[in-house]
Amino acid sequence: KSAKHKASMEKQKVKVDESIAAATEERGIVVLLTGDGKGKSSSAF
């Protein structure tokens, strides 16, 4: 189980590292927090 978990996390790390490397644009962003649930303003704060 330990070996299986390690192999799975290694694959996940490769994907995460690739995504980080691909995100090269630097600028301000627009975030929309919406939906009927509680917590939108709390998230913004």
Full PDB file with SEQRES, HELIX, SHEET, SSBOND, CRYST1, ORIGX, SCALE, CONECT and MASTER records, all heavy atoms in Angstrom:
SEQRES   1 A   45  LYS SER ALA LYS HIS LYS ALA SER MET GLU LYS GLN LYS          
SEQRES   2 A   45  VAL LYS VAL ASP GLU SER ILE ALA ALA ALA THR GLU GLU          
SEQRES   3 A   45  ARG GLY ILE VAL VAL LEU LEU THR GLY ASP GLY LYS GLY          
SEQRES   4 A   45  LYS SER SER SER ALA PHE                                      
HELIX    1 AA1 SER A    2  ALA A   22  1                                  21    
HELIX    2 AA2 LYS A   40  ALA A   44  1                                   5    
CRYST1    1.000    1.000    1.000  90.00  90.00  90.00 P 1           1          
ORIGX1      1.000000  0.000000  0.000000        0.00000                         
ORIGX2      0.000000  1.000000  0.000000        0.00000                         
ORIGX3      0.000000  0.000000  1.000000        0.00000                         
SCALE1      1.000000  0.000000  0.000000        0.00000                         
SCALE2      0.000000  1.000000  0.000000        0.00000                         
SCALE3      0.000000  0.000000  1.000000        0.00000                         
ATOM      1  N   LYS A   1       0.830  -1.208   0.000  1.00  0.00           N  
ATOM      2  CA  LYS A   1       0.000   0.000   0.000  1.00  0.00           C  
ATOM      3  C   LYS A   1       0.863   1.256   0.000  1.00  0.00           C  
ATOM      4  O   LYS A   1       0.555   2.247  -0.667  1.00  0.00           O  
ATOM      5  CB  LYS A   1      -0.914   0.003   1.226  1.00  0.00           C  
ATOM      6  CG  LYS A   1      -2.134  -0.875   1.086  1.00  0.00           C  
ATOM      7  CD  LYS A   1      -3.071  -0.705   2.258  1.00  0.00           C  
ATOM      8  CE  LYS A   1      -4.334  -1.516   2.053  1.00  0.00           C  
ATOM      9  NZ  LYS A   1      -5.270  -1.387   3.194  1.00  0.00           N  
ATOM     10  N   SER A   2       1.955   1.217   0.750  1.00  0.00           N  
ATOM     11  CA  SER A   2       2.868   2.360   0.801  1.00  0.00           C  
ATOM     12  C   SER A   2       3.482   2.630  -0.565  1.00  0.00           C  
ATOM     13  O   SER A   2       3.583   3.781  -1.002  1.00  0.00           O  
ATOM     14  CB  SER A   2       3.973   2.103   1.828  1.00  0.00           C  
ATOM     15  OG  SER A   2       3.440   2.062   3.128  1.00  0.00           O  
ATOM     16  N   ALA A   3       3.885   1.559  -1.251  1.00  0.00           N  
ATOM     17  CA  ALA A   3       4.492   1.691  -2.583  1.00  0.00           C  
ATOM     18  C   ALA A   3       3.480   2.228  -3.594  1.00  0.00           C  
ATOM     19  O   ALA A   3       3.803   3.083  -4.434  1.00  0.00           O  
ATOM     20  CB  ALA A   3       5.040   0.342  -3.039  1.00  0.00           C  
ATOM     21  N   LYS A   4       2.228   1.751  -3.486  1.00  0.00           N  
ATOM     22  CA  LYS A   4       1.175   2.215  -4.392  1.00  0.00           C  
ATOM     23  C   LYS A   4       0.872   3.692  -4.166  1.00  0.00           C  
ATOM     24  O   LYS A   4       0.703   4.462  -5.109  1.00  0.00           O  
ATOM     25  CB  LYS A   4      -0.084   1.365  -4.165  1.00  0.00           C  
ATOM     26  CG  LYS A   4      -1.194   1.634  -5.159  1.00  0.00           C  
ATOM     27  CD  LYS A   4      -2.367   0.697  -4.932  1.00  0.00           C  
ATOM     28  CE  LYS A   4      -3.482   0.977  -5.925  1.00  0.00           C  
ATOM     29  NZ  LYS A   4      -4.655   0.103  -5.696  1.00  0.00           N  
ATOM     30  N   HIS A   5       0.826   4.070  -2.879  1.00  0.00           N  
ATOM     31  CA  HIS A   5       0.576   5.477  -2.538  1.00  0.00           C  
ATOM     32  C   HIS A   5       1.710   6.365  -3.053  1.00  0.00           C  
ATOM     33  O   HIS A   5       1.459   7.429  -3.632  1.00  0.00           O  
ATOM     34  CB  HIS A   5       0.454   5.622  -1.016  1.00  0.00           C  
ATOM     35  CG  HIS A   5       0.313   7.038  -0.566  1.00  0.00           C  
ATOM     36  ND1 HIS A   5      -0.868   7.733  -0.659  1.00  0.00           N  
ATOM     37  CD2 HIS A   5       1.215   7.903  -0.032  1.00  0.00           C  
ATOM     38  CE1 HIS A   5      -0.700   8.960  -0.198  1.00  0.00           C  
ATOM     39  NE2 HIS A   5       0.555   9.095   0.193  1.00  0.00           N  
ATOM     40  N   LYS A   6       2.941   5.923  -2.859  1.00  0.00           N  
ATOM     41  CA  LYS A   6       4.104   6.708  -3.305  1.00  0.00           C  
ATOM     42  C   LYS A   6       4.076   6.896  -4.821  1.00  0.00           C  
ATOM     43  O   LYS A   6       4.315   7.987  -5.340  1.00  0.00           O  
ATOM     44  CB  LYS A   6       5.398   6.013  -2.885  1.00  0.00           C  
ATOM     45  CG  LYS A   6       6.663   6.814  -3.181  1.00  0.00           C  
ATOM     46  CD  LYS A   6       7.885   6.113  -2.609  1.00  0.00           C  
ATOM     47  CE  LYS A   6       9.138   6.962  -2.739  1.00  0.00           C  
ATOM     48  NZ  LYS A   6       9.490   7.336  -4.105  1.00  0.00           N  
ATOM     49  N   ALA A   7       3.766   5.818  -5.557  1.00  0.00           N  
ATOM     50  CA  ALA A   7       3.716   5.896  -7.023  1.00  0.00           C  
ATOM     51  C   ALA A   7       2.623   6.856  -7.474  1.00  0.00           C  
ATOM     52  O   ALA A   7       2.804   7.653  -8.407  1.00  0.00           O  
ATOM     53  CB  ALA A   7       3.476   4.508  -7.606  1.00  0.00           C  
ATOM     54  N   SER A   8       1.476   6.812  -6.784  1.00  0.00           N  
ATOM     55  CA  SER A   8       0.357   7.696  -7.125  1.00  0.00           C  
ATOM     56  C   SER A   8       0.720   9.155  -6.874  1.00  0.00           C  
ATOM     57  O   SER A   8       0.433  10.033  -7.707  1.00  0.00           O  
ATOM     58  CB  SER A   8      -0.862   7.303  -6.292  1.00  0.00           C  
ATOM     59  OG  SER A   8      -1.920   8.201  -6.508  1.00  0.00           O  
ATOM     60  N   MET A   9       1.368   9.434  -5.745  1.00  0.00           N  
ATOM     61  CA  MET A   9       1.768  10.802  -5.409  1.00  0.00           C  
ATOM     62  C   MET A   9       2.861  11.319  -6.348  1.00  0.00           C  
ATOM     63  O   MET A   9       2.896  12.502  -6.677  1.00  0.00           O  
ATOM     64  CB  MET A   9       2.240  10.885  -3.960  1.00  0.00           C  
ATOM     65  CG  MET A   9       1.141  10.672  -2.926  1.00  0.00           C  
ATOM     66  SD  MET A   9      -0.240  11.855  -3.077  1.00  0.00           S  
ATOM     67  CE  MET A   9      -1.490  10.833  -3.885  1.00  0.00           C  
ATOM     68  N   GLU A  10       3.732  10.434  -6.792  1.00  0.00           N  
ATOM     69  CA  GLU A  10       4.774  10.832  -7.748  1.00  0.00           C  
ATOM     70  C   GLU A  10       4.148  11.278  -9.063  1.00  0.00           C  
ATOM     71  O   GLU A  10       4.551  12.287  -9.650  1.00  0.00           O  
ATOM     72  CB  GLU A  10       5.743   9.672  -7.977  1.00  0.00           C  
ATOM     73  CG  GLU A  10       6.722   9.448  -6.837  1.00  0.00           C  
ATOM     74  CD  GLU A  10       7.578   8.201  -7.023  1.00  0.00           C  
ATOM     75  OE1 GLU A  10       7.255   7.382  -7.915  1.00  0.00           O  
ATOM     76  OE2 GLU A  10       8.563   8.055  -6.277  1.00  0.00           O  
ATOM     77  N   LYS A  11       3.139  10.523  -9.526  1.00  0.00           N  
ATOM     78  CA  LYS A  11       2.436  10.900 -10.759  1.00  0.00           C  
ATOM     79  C   LYS A  11       1.716  12.234 -10.590  1.00  0.00           C  
ATOM     80  O   LYS A  11       1.731  13.077 -11.482  1.00  0.00           O  
ATOM     81  CB  LYS A  11       1.414   9.818 -11.132  1.00  0.00           C  
ATOM     82  CG  LYS A  11       2.026   8.562 -11.719  1.00  0.00           C  
ATOM     83  CD  LYS A  11       0.934   7.573 -12.083  1.00  0.00           C  
ATOM     84  CE  LYS A  11       1.529   6.284 -12.625  1.00  0.00           C  
ATOM     85  NZ  LYS A  11       0.464   5.295 -12.923  1.00  0.00           N  
ATOM     86  N   GLN A  12       1.086  12.395  -9.421  1.00  0.00           N  
ATOM     87  CA  GLN A  12       0.366  13.642  -9.150  1.00  0.00           C  
ATOM     88  C   GLN A  12       1.317  14.820  -9.112  1.00  0.00           C  
ATOM     89  O   GLN A  12       1.012  15.896  -9.628  1.00  0.00           O  
ATOM     90  CB  GLN A  12      -0.388  13.530  -7.817  1.00  0.00           C  
ATOM     91  CG  GLN A  12      -1.307  14.710  -7.557  1.00  0.00           C  
ATOM     92  CD  GLN A  12      -2.197  14.494  -6.351  1.00  0.00           C  
ATOM     93  OE1 GLN A  12      -2.563  13.376  -6.036  1.00  0.00           O  
ATOM     94  NE2 GLN A  12      -2.532  15.575  -5.683  1.00  0.00           N  
ATOM     95  N   LYS A  13       2.497  14.626  -8.508  1.00  0.00           N  
ATOM     96  CA  LYS A  13       3.488  15.704  -8.429  1.00  0.00           C  
ATOM     97  C   LYS A  13       3.953  16.121  -9.813  1.00  0.00           C  
ATOM     98  O   LYS A  13       4.144  17.309 -10.082  1.00  0.00           O  
ATOM     99  CB  LYS A  13       4.677  15.295  -7.565  1.00  0.00           C  
ATOM    100  CG  LYS A  13       5.721  16.408  -7.430  1.00  0.00           C  
ATOM    101  CD  LYS A  13       6.766  16.087  -6.414  1.00  0.00           C  
ATOM    102  CE  LYS A  13       7.925  17.063  -6.371  1.00  0.00           C  
ATOM    103  NZ  LYS A  13       7.704  18.402  -6.879  1.00  0.00           N  
ATOM    104  N   VAL A  14       4.128  15.182 -10.694  1.00  0.00           N  
ATOM    105  CA  VAL A  14       4.546  15.494 -12.062  1.00  0.00           C  
ATOM    106  C   VAL A  14       3.498  16.384 -12.736  1.00  0.00           C  
ATOM    107  O   VAL A  14       3.830  17.388 -13.378  1.00  0.00           O  
ATOM    108  CB  VAL A  14       4.763  14.201 -12.885  1.00  0.00           C  
ATOM    109  CG1 VAL A  14       4.918  14.522 -14.371  1.00  0.00           C  
ATOM    110  CG2 VAL A  14       5.990  13.450 -12.383  1.00  0.00           C  
ATOM    111  N   LYS A  15       2.218  16.028 -12.571  1.00  0.00           N  
ATOM    112  CA  LYS A  15       1.135  16.814 -13.173  1.00  0.00           C  
ATOM    113  C   LYS A  15       1.080  18.226 -12.593  1.00  0.00           C  
ATOM    114  O   LYS A  15       0.910  19.201 -13.316  1.00  0.00           O  
ATOM    115  CB  LYS A  15      -0.209  16.114 -12.955  1.00  0.00           C  
ATOM    116  CG  LYS A  15      -0.397  14.865 -13.790  1.00  0.00           C  
ATOM    117  CD  LYS A  15      -1.751  14.242 -13.523  1.00  0.00           C  
ATOM    118  CE  LYS A  15      -1.946  12.976 -14.341  1.00  0.00           C  
ATOM    119  NZ  LYS A  15      -3.240  12.316 -14.053  1.00  0.00           N  
ATOM    120  N   VAL A  16       1.213  18.311 -11.261  1.00  0.00           N  
ATOM    121  CA  VAL A  16       1.180  19.620 -10.602  1.00  0.00           C  
ATOM    122  C   VAL A  16       2.354  20.475 -11.059  1.00  0.00           C  
ATOM    123  O   VAL A  16       2.197  21.660 -11.392  1.00  0.00           O  
ATOM    124  CB  VAL A  16       1.192  19.465  -9.060  1.00  0.00           C  
ATOM    125  CG1 VAL A  16       1.412  20.811  -8.384  1.00  0.00           C  
ATOM    126  CG2 VAL A  16      -0.111  18.832  -8.579  1.00  0.00           C  
ATOM    127  N   ASP A  17       3.538  19.893 -11.099  1.00  0.00           N  
ATOM    128  CA  ASP A  17       4.733  20.632 -11.528  1.00  0.00           C  
ATOM    129  C   ASP A  17       4.608  21.107 -12.968  1.00  0.00           C  
ATOM    130  O   ASP A  17       5.027  22.218 -13.310  1.00  0.00           O  
ATOM    131  CB  ASP A  17       5.990  19.763 -11.369  1.00  0.00           C  
ATOM    132  CG  ASP A  17       6.377  19.566  -9.906  1.00  0.00           C  
ATOM    133  OD1 ASP A  17       5.841  20.295  -9.052  1.00  0.00           O  
ATOM    134  OD2 ASP A  17       7.208  18.681  -9.621  1.00  0.00           O  
ATOM    135  N   GLU A  18       4.010  20.275 -13.817  1.00  0.00           N  
ATOM    136  CA  GLU A  18       3.812  20.654 -15.224  1.00  0.00           C  
ATOM    137  C   GLU A  18       2.833  21.834 -15.328  1.00  0.00           C  
ATOM    138  O   GLU A  18       3.039  22.748 -16.132  1.00  0.00           O  
ATOM    139  CB  GLU A  18       3.289  19.463 -16.023  1.00  0.00           C  
ATOM    140  CG  GLU A  18       4.343  18.397 -16.308  1.00  0.00           C  
ATOM    141  CD  GLU A  18       3.772  17.168 -16.980  1.00  0.00           C  
ATOM    142  OE1 GLU A  18       2.514  17.052 -17.069  1.00  0.00           O  
ATOM    143  OE2 GLU A  18       4.568  16.311 -17.410  1.00  0.00           O  
ATOM    144  N   SER A  19       1.777  21.785 -14.523  1.00  0.00           N  
ATOM    145  CA  SER A  19       0.788  22.872 -14.533  1.00  0.00           C  
ATOM    146  C   SER A  19       1.413  24.177 -14.056  1.00  0.00           C  
ATOM    147  O   SER A  19       1.162  25.248 -14.624  1.00  0.00           O  
ATOM    148  CB  SER A  19      -0.404  22.519 -13.629  1.00  0.00           C  
ATOM    149  OG  SER A  19      -1.090  21.394 -14.132  1.00  0.00           O  
ATOM    150  N   ILE A  20       2.234  24.100 -13.010  1.00  0.00           N  
ATOM    151  CA  ILE A  20       2.910  25.294 -12.489  1.00  0.00           C  
ATOM    152  C   ILE A  20       3.861  25.866 -13.535  1.00  0.00           C  
ATOM    153  O   ILE A  20       3.915  27.081 -13.760  1.00  0.00           O  
ATOM    154  CB  ILE A  20       3.667  24.964 -11.182  1.00  0.00           C  
ATOM    155  CG1 ILE A  20       2.657  24.666 -10.064  1.00  0.00           C  
ATOM    156  CG2 ILE A  20       4.587  26.113 -10.780  1.00  0.00           C  
ATOM    157  CD1 ILE A  20       3.269  24.130  -8.789  1.00  0.00           C  
ATOM    158  N   ALA A  21       4.593  24.994 -14.205  1.00  0.00           N  
ATOM    159  CA  ALA A  21       5.552  25.437 -15.230  1.00  0.00           C  
ATOM    160  C   ALA A  21       4.844  26.067 -16.428  1.00  0.00           C  
ATOM    161  O   ALA A  21       5.375  26.976 -17.075  1.00  0.00           O  
ATOM    162  CB  ALA A  21       6.413  24.261 -15.679  1.00  0.00           C  
ATOM    163  N   ALA A  22       3.626  25.597 -16.722  1.00  0.00           N  
ATOM    164  CA  ALA A  22       2.880  26.101 -17.887  1.00  0.00           C  
ATOM    165  C   ALA A  22       2.234  27.455 -17.615  1.00  0.00           C  
ATOM    166  O   ALA A  22       1.903  28.195 -18.543  1.00  0.00           O  
ATOM    167  CB  ALA A  22       1.808  25.090 -18.295  1.00  0.00           C  
ATOM    168  N   ALA A  23       2.056  27.805 -16.343  1.00  0.00           N  
ATOM    169  CA  ALA A  23       1.423  29.082 -15.987  1.00  0.00           C  
ATOM    170  C   ALA A  23       2.482  30.176 -15.935  1.00  0.00           C  
ATOM    171  O   ALA A  23       3.084  30.436 -14.902  1.00  0.00           O  
ATOM    172  CB  ALA A  23       0.712  28.950 -14.642  1.00  0.00           C  
ATOM    173  N   THR A  24       2.703  30.818 -17.074  1.00  0.00           N  
ATOM    174  CA  THR A  24       3.787  31.803 -17.185  1.00  0.00           C  
ATOM    175  C   THR A  24       3.288  33.251 -17.227  1.00  0.00           C  
ATOM    176  O   THR A  24       4.077  34.179 -17.042  1.00  0.00           O  
ATOM    177  CB  THR A  24       4.614  31.536 -18.458  1.00  0.00           C  
ATOM    178  OG1 THR A  24       3.744  31.574 -19.595  1.00  0.00           O  
ATOM    179  CG2 THR A  24       5.293  30.177 -18.381  1.00  0.00           C  
ATOM    180  N   GLU A  25       2.005  33.439 -17.478  1.00  0.00           N  
ATOM    181  CA  GLU A  25       1.468  34.803 -17.587  1.00  0.00           C  
ATOM    182  C   GLU A  25       1.295  35.410 -16.201  1.00  0.00           C  
ATOM    183  O   GLU A  25       0.731  34.780 -15.305  1.00  0.00           O  
ATOM    184  CB  GLU A  25       0.124  34.784 -18.317  1.00  0.00           C  
ATOM    185  CG  GLU A  25      -0.429  36.167 -18.612  1.00  0.00           C  
ATOM    186  CD  GLU A  25      -1.747  36.114 -19.373  1.00  0.00           C  
ATOM    187  OE1 GLU A  25      -2.214  35.009 -19.693  1.00  0.00           O  
ATOM    188  OE2 GLU A  25      -2.297  37.197 -19.629  1.00  0.00           O  
ATOM    189  N   GLU A  26       1.776  36.635 -16.028  1.00  0.00           N  
ATOM    190  CA  GLU A  26       1.645  37.327 -14.743  1.00  0.00           C  
ATOM    191  C   GLU A  26       0.832  38.593 -14.915  1.00  0.00           C  
ATOM    192  O   GLU A  26       1.233  39.505 -15.633  1.00  0.00           O  
ATOM    193  CB  GLU A  26       3.034  37.673 -14.184  1.00  0.00           C  
ATOM    194  CG  GLU A  26       3.403  36.826 -12.991  1.00  0.00           C  
ATOM    195  CD  GLU A  26       4.650  37.321 -12.286  1.00  0.00           C  
ATOM    196  OE1 GLU A  26       4.515  38.158 -11.371  1.00  0.00           O  
ATOM    197  OE2 GLU A  26       5.731  36.873 -12.668  1.00  0.00           O  
ATOM    198  N   ARG A  27      -0.337  38.642 -14.260  1.00  0.00           N  
ATOM    199  CA  ARG A  27      -1.217  39.823 -14.317  1.00  0.00           C  
ATOM    200  C   ARG A  27      -2.286  39.678 -13.254  1.00  0.00           C  
ATOM    201  O   ARG A  27      -2.473  38.612 -12.669  1.00  0.00           O  
ATOM    202  CB  ARG A  27      -1.875  39.938 -15.692  1.00  0.00           C  
ATOM    203  CG  ARG A  27      -2.777  38.765 -16.065  1.00  0.00           C  
ATOM    204  CD  ARG A  27      -3.555  39.039 -17.338  1.00  0.00           C  
ATOM    205  NE  ARG A  27      -4.327  37.906 -17.796  1.00  0.00           N  
ATOM    206  CZ  ARG A  27      -5.539  37.576 -17.331  1.00  0.00           C  
ATOM    207  NH1 ARG A  27      -6.102  38.298 -16.376  1.00  0.00           N  
ATOM    208  NH2 ARG A  27      -6.189  36.535 -17.815  1.00  0.00           N  
ATOM    209  N   GLY A  28      -2.986  40.768 -13.009  1.00  0.00           N  
ATOM    210  CA  GLY A  28      -4.112  40.713 -12.099  1.00  0.00           C  
ATOM    211  C   GLY A  28      -5.236  39.890 -12.704  1.00  0.00           C  
ATOM    212  O   GLY A  28      -5.350  39.791 -13.934  1.00  0.00           O  
ATOM    213  N   ILE A  29      -6.054  39.285 -11.853  1.00  0.00           N  
ATOM    214  CA  ILE A  29      -7.148  38.447 -12.347  1.00  0.00           C  
ATOM    215  C   ILE A  29      -8.491  38.921 -11.803  1.00  0.00           C  
ATOM    216  O   ILE A  29      -8.560  39.727 -10.876  1.00  0.00           O  
ATOM    217  CB  ILE A  29      -6.936  36.961 -11.992  1.00  0.00           C  
ATOM    218  CG1 ILE A  29      -6.965  36.755 -10.465  1.00  0.00           C  
ATOM    219  CG2 ILE A  29      -5.642  36.440 -12.602  1.00  0.00           C  
ATOM    220  CD1 ILE A  29      -7.030  35.290 -10.043  1.00  0.00           C  
ATOM    221  N   VAL A  30      -9.549  38.396 -12.403  1.00  0.00           N  
ATOM    222  CA  VAL A  30     -10.912  38.659 -11.953  1.00  0.00           C  
ATOM    223  C   VAL A  30     -11.474  37.354 -11.399  1.00  0.00           C  
ATOM    224  O   VAL A  30     -11.451  36.321 -12.075  1.00  0.00           O  
ATOM    225  CB  VAL A  30     -11.809  39.167 -13.102  1.00  0.00           C  
ATOM    226  CG1 VAL A  30     -13.244  39.381 -12.603  1.00  0.00           C  
ATOM    227  CG2 VAL A  30     -11.253  40.459 -13.686  1.00  0.00           C  
ATOM    228  N   VAL A  31     -11.958  37.412 -10.152  1.00  0.00           N  
ATOM    229  CA  VAL A  31     -12.526  36.241  -9.492  1.00  0.00           C  
ATOM    230  C   VAL A  31     -14.001  36.506  -9.215  1.00  0.00           C  
ATOM    231  O   VAL A  31     -14.358  37.532  -8.626  1.00  0.00           O  
ATOM    232  CB  VAL A  31     -11.804  35.946  -8.159  1.00  0.00           C  
ATOM    233  CG1 VAL A  31     -12.442  34.754  -7.449  1.00  0.00           C  
ATOM    234  CG2 VAL A  31     -10.320  35.699  -8.396  1.00  0.00           C  
ATOM    235  N   LEU A  32     -14.857  35.604  -9.643  1.00  0.00           N  
ATOM    236  CA  LEU A  32     -16.294  35.691  -9.359  1.00  0.00           C  
ATOM    237  C   LEU A  32     -16.657  34.600  -8.361  1.00  0.00           C  
ATOM    238  O   LEU A  32     -16.457  33.415  -8.617  1.00  0.00           O  
ATOM    239  CB  LEU A  32     -17.111  35.521 -10.646  1.00  0.00           C  
ATOM    240  CG  LEU A  32     -18.639  35.414 -10.468  1.00  0.00           C  
ATOM    241  CD1 LEU A  32     -19.217  36.679  -9.852  1.00  0.00           C  
ATOM    242  CD2 LEU A  32     -19.319  35.100 -11.807  1.00  0.00           C  
ATOM    243  N   LEU A  33     -17.178  35.020  -7.208  1.00  0.00           N  
ATOM    244  CA  LEU A  33     -17.652  34.086  -6.185  1.00  0.00           C  
ATOM    245  C   LEU A  33     -19.172  34.171  -6.177  1.00  0.00           C  
ATOM    246  O   LEU A  33     -19.745  35.187  -5.780  1.00  0.00           O  
ATOM    247  CB  LEU A  33     -17.085  34.478  -4.813  1.00  0.00           C  
ATOM    248  CG  LEU A  33     -15.551  34.561  -4.746  1.00  0.00           C  
ATOM    249  CD1 LEU A  33     -15.106  35.148  -3.416  1.00  0.00           C  
ATOM    250  CD2 LEU A  33     -14.922  33.194  -4.969  1.00  0.00           C  
ATOM    251  N   THR A  34     -19.826  33.117  -6.641  1.00  0.00           N  
ATOM    252  CA  THR A  34     -21.263  33.179  -6.848  1.00  0.00           C  
ATOM    253  C   THR A  34     -21.944  31.922  -6.317  1.00  0.00           C  
ATOM    254  O   THR A  34     -21.311  31.087  -5.670  1.00  0.00           O  
ATOM    255  CB  THR A  34     -21.573  33.421  -8.345  1.00  0.00           C  
ATOM    256  OG1 THR A  34     -22.965  33.690  -8.505  1.00  0.00           O  
ATOM    257  CG2 THR A  34     -21.161  32.234  -9.207  1.00  0.00           C  
ATOM    258  N   GLY A  35     -23.230  31.791  -6.587  1.00  0.00           N  
ATOM    259  CA  GLY A  35     -23.993  30.635  -6.117  1.00  0.00           C  
ATOM    260  C   GLY A  35     -24.935  31.004  -4.991  1.00  0.00           C  
ATOM    261  O   GLY A  35     -24.856  32.085  -4.405  1.00  0.00           O  
ATOM    262  N   ASP A  36     -25.825  30.068  -4.657  1.00  0.00           N  
ATOM    263  CA  ASP A  36     -26.855  30.311  -3.651  1.00  0.00           C  
ATOM    264  C   ASP A  36     -26.384  30.026  -2.229  1.00  0.00           C  
ATOM    265  O   ASP A  36     -27.111  30.303  -1.272  1.00  0.00           O  
ATOM    266  CB  ASP A  36     -28.084  29.439  -3.950  1.00  0.00           C  
ATOM    267  CG  ASP A  36     -28.763  29.826  -5.257  1.00  0.00           C  
ATOM    268  OD1 ASP A  36     -28.617  30.996  -5.662  1.00  0.00           O  
ATOM    269  OD2 ASP A  36     -29.420  28.963  -5.869  1.00  0.00           O  
ATOM    270  N   GLY A  37     -25.225  29.443  -2.083  1.00  0.00           N  
ATOM    271  CA  GLY A  37     -24.746  29.040  -0.766  1.00  0.00           C  
ATOM    272  C   GLY A  37     -24.111  30.159   0.040  1.00  0.00           C  
ATOM    273  O   GLY A  37     -23.804  31.236  -0.472  1.00  0.00           O  
ATOM    274  N   LYS A  38     -23.876  29.873   1.307  1.00  0.00           N  
ATOM    275  CA  LYS A  38     -23.290  30.816   2.257  1.00  0.00           C  
ATOM    276  C   LYS A  38     -21.767  30.823   2.106  1.00  0.00           C  
ATOM    277  O   LYS A  38     -21.153  29.775   1.930  1.00  0.00           O  
ATOM    278  CB  LYS A  38     -23.669  30.382   3.671  1.00  0.00           C  
ATOM    279  CG  LYS A  38     -22.941  31.091   4.791  1.00  0.00           C  
ATOM    280  CD  LYS A  38     -23.386  30.532   6.138  1.00  0.00           C  
ATOM    281  CE  LYS A  38     -22.462  30.959   7.259  1.00  0.00           C  
ATOM    282  NZ  LYS A  38     -22.231  32.401   7.327  1.00  0.00           N  
ATOM    283  N   GLY A  39     -21.140  32.013   2.202  1.00  0.00           N  
ATOM    284  CA  GLY A  39     -19.688  32.066   2.260  1.00  0.00           C  
ATOM    285  C   GLY A  39     -18.985  32.844   1.162  1.00  0.00           C  
ATOM    286  O   GLY A  39     -17.764  32.889   1.133  1.00  0.00           O  
ATOM    287  N   LYS A  40     -19.744  33.472   0.274  1.00  0.00           N  
ATOM    288  CA  LYS A  40     -19.118  34.199  -0.834  1.00  0.00           C  
ATOM    289  C   LYS A  40     -18.358  35.425  -0.332  1.00  0.00           C  
ATOM    290  O   LYS A  40     -17.183  35.617  -0.651  1.00  0.00           O  
ATOM    291  CB  LYS A  40     -20.192  34.607  -1.854  1.00  0.00           C  
ATOM    292  CG  LYS A  40     -20.897  33.418  -2.487  1.00  0.00           C  
ATOM    293  CD  LYS A  40     -21.994  33.835  -3.449  1.00  0.00           C  
ATOM    294  CE  LYS A  40     -23.208  34.401  -2.757  1.00  0.00           C  
ATOM    295  NZ  LYS A  40     -23.952  33.404  -1.969  1.00  0.00           N  
ATOM    296  N   SER A  41     -19.036  36.249   0.463  1.00  0.00           N  
ATOM    297  CA  SER A  41     -18.373  37.440   1.017  1.00  0.00           C  
ATOM    298  C   SER A  41     -17.254  37.039   1.975  1.00  0.00           C  
ATOM    299  O   SER A  41     -16.190  37.667   2.006  1.00  0.00           O  
ATOM    300  CB  SER A  41     -19.384  38.330   1.747  1.00  0.00           C  
ATOM    301  OG  SER A  41     -20.348  38.829   0.843  1.00  0.00           O  
ATOM    302  N   SER A  42     -17.500  35.986   2.753  1.00  0.00           N  
ATOM    303  CA  SER A  42     -16.474  35.510   3.691  1.00  0.00           C  
ATOM    304  C   SER A  42     -15.210  35.109   2.953  1.00  0.00           C  
ATOM    305  O   SER A  42     -14.091  35.383   3.407  1.00  0.00           O  
ATOM    306  CB  SER A  42     -17.013  34.323   4.502  1.00  0.00           C  
ATOM    307  OG  SER A  42     -18.167  34.680   5.212  1.00  0.00           O  
ATOM    308  N   SER A  43     -15.369  34.458   1.816  1.00  0.00           N  
ATOM    309  CA  SER A  43     -14.220  34.072   1.006  1.00  0.00           C  
ATOM    310  C   SER A  43     -13.480  35.298   0.488  1.00  0.00           C  
ATOM    311  O   SER A  43     -12.249  35.355   0.498  1.00  0.00           O  
ATOM    312  CB  SER A  43     -14.678  33.208  -0.174  1.00  0.00           C  
ATOM    313  OG  SER A  43     -13.592  32.866  -1.002  1.00  0.00           O  
ATOM    314  N   ALA A  44     -14.240  36.300   0.058  1.00  0.00           N  
ATOM    315  CA  ALA A  44     -13.619  37.535  -0.431  1.00  0.00           C  
ATOM    316  C   ALA A  44     -12.830  38.225   0.668  1.00  0.00           C  
ATOM    317  O   ALA A  44     -11.719  38.724   0.443  1.00  0.00           O  
ATOM    318  CB  ALA A  44     -14.693  38.479  -0.983  1.00  0.00           C  
ATOM    319  N   PHE A  45     -13.380  38.255   1.883  1.00  0.00           N  
ATOM    320  CA  PHE A  45     -12.667  38.866   3.002  1.00  0.00           C  
ATOM    321  C   PHE A  45     -11.424  38.067   3.359  1.00  0.00           C  
ATOM    322  O   PHE A  45     -10.419  38.633   3.799  1.00  0.00           O  
ATOM    323  CB  PHE A  45     -13.594  39.023   4.210  1.00  0.00           C  
ATOM    324  CG  PHE A  45     -14.403  40.277   4.172  1.00  0.00           C  
ATOM    325  CD1 PHE A  45     -15.710  40.269   3.719  1.00  0.00           C  
ATOM    326  CD2 PHE A  45     -13.857  41.486   4.568  1.00  0.00           C  
ATOM    327  CE1 PHE A  45     -16.460  41.437   3.668  1.00  0.00           C  
ATOM    328  CE2 PHE A  45     -14.586  42.664   4.512  1.00  0.00           C  
ATOM    329  CZ  PHE A  45     -15.894  42.639   4.073  1.00  0.00           C  
TER     330      PHE A  45                                                      
MASTER        0    0    0    2    0    0    0    6  329    1    0    4          
END                                                                             
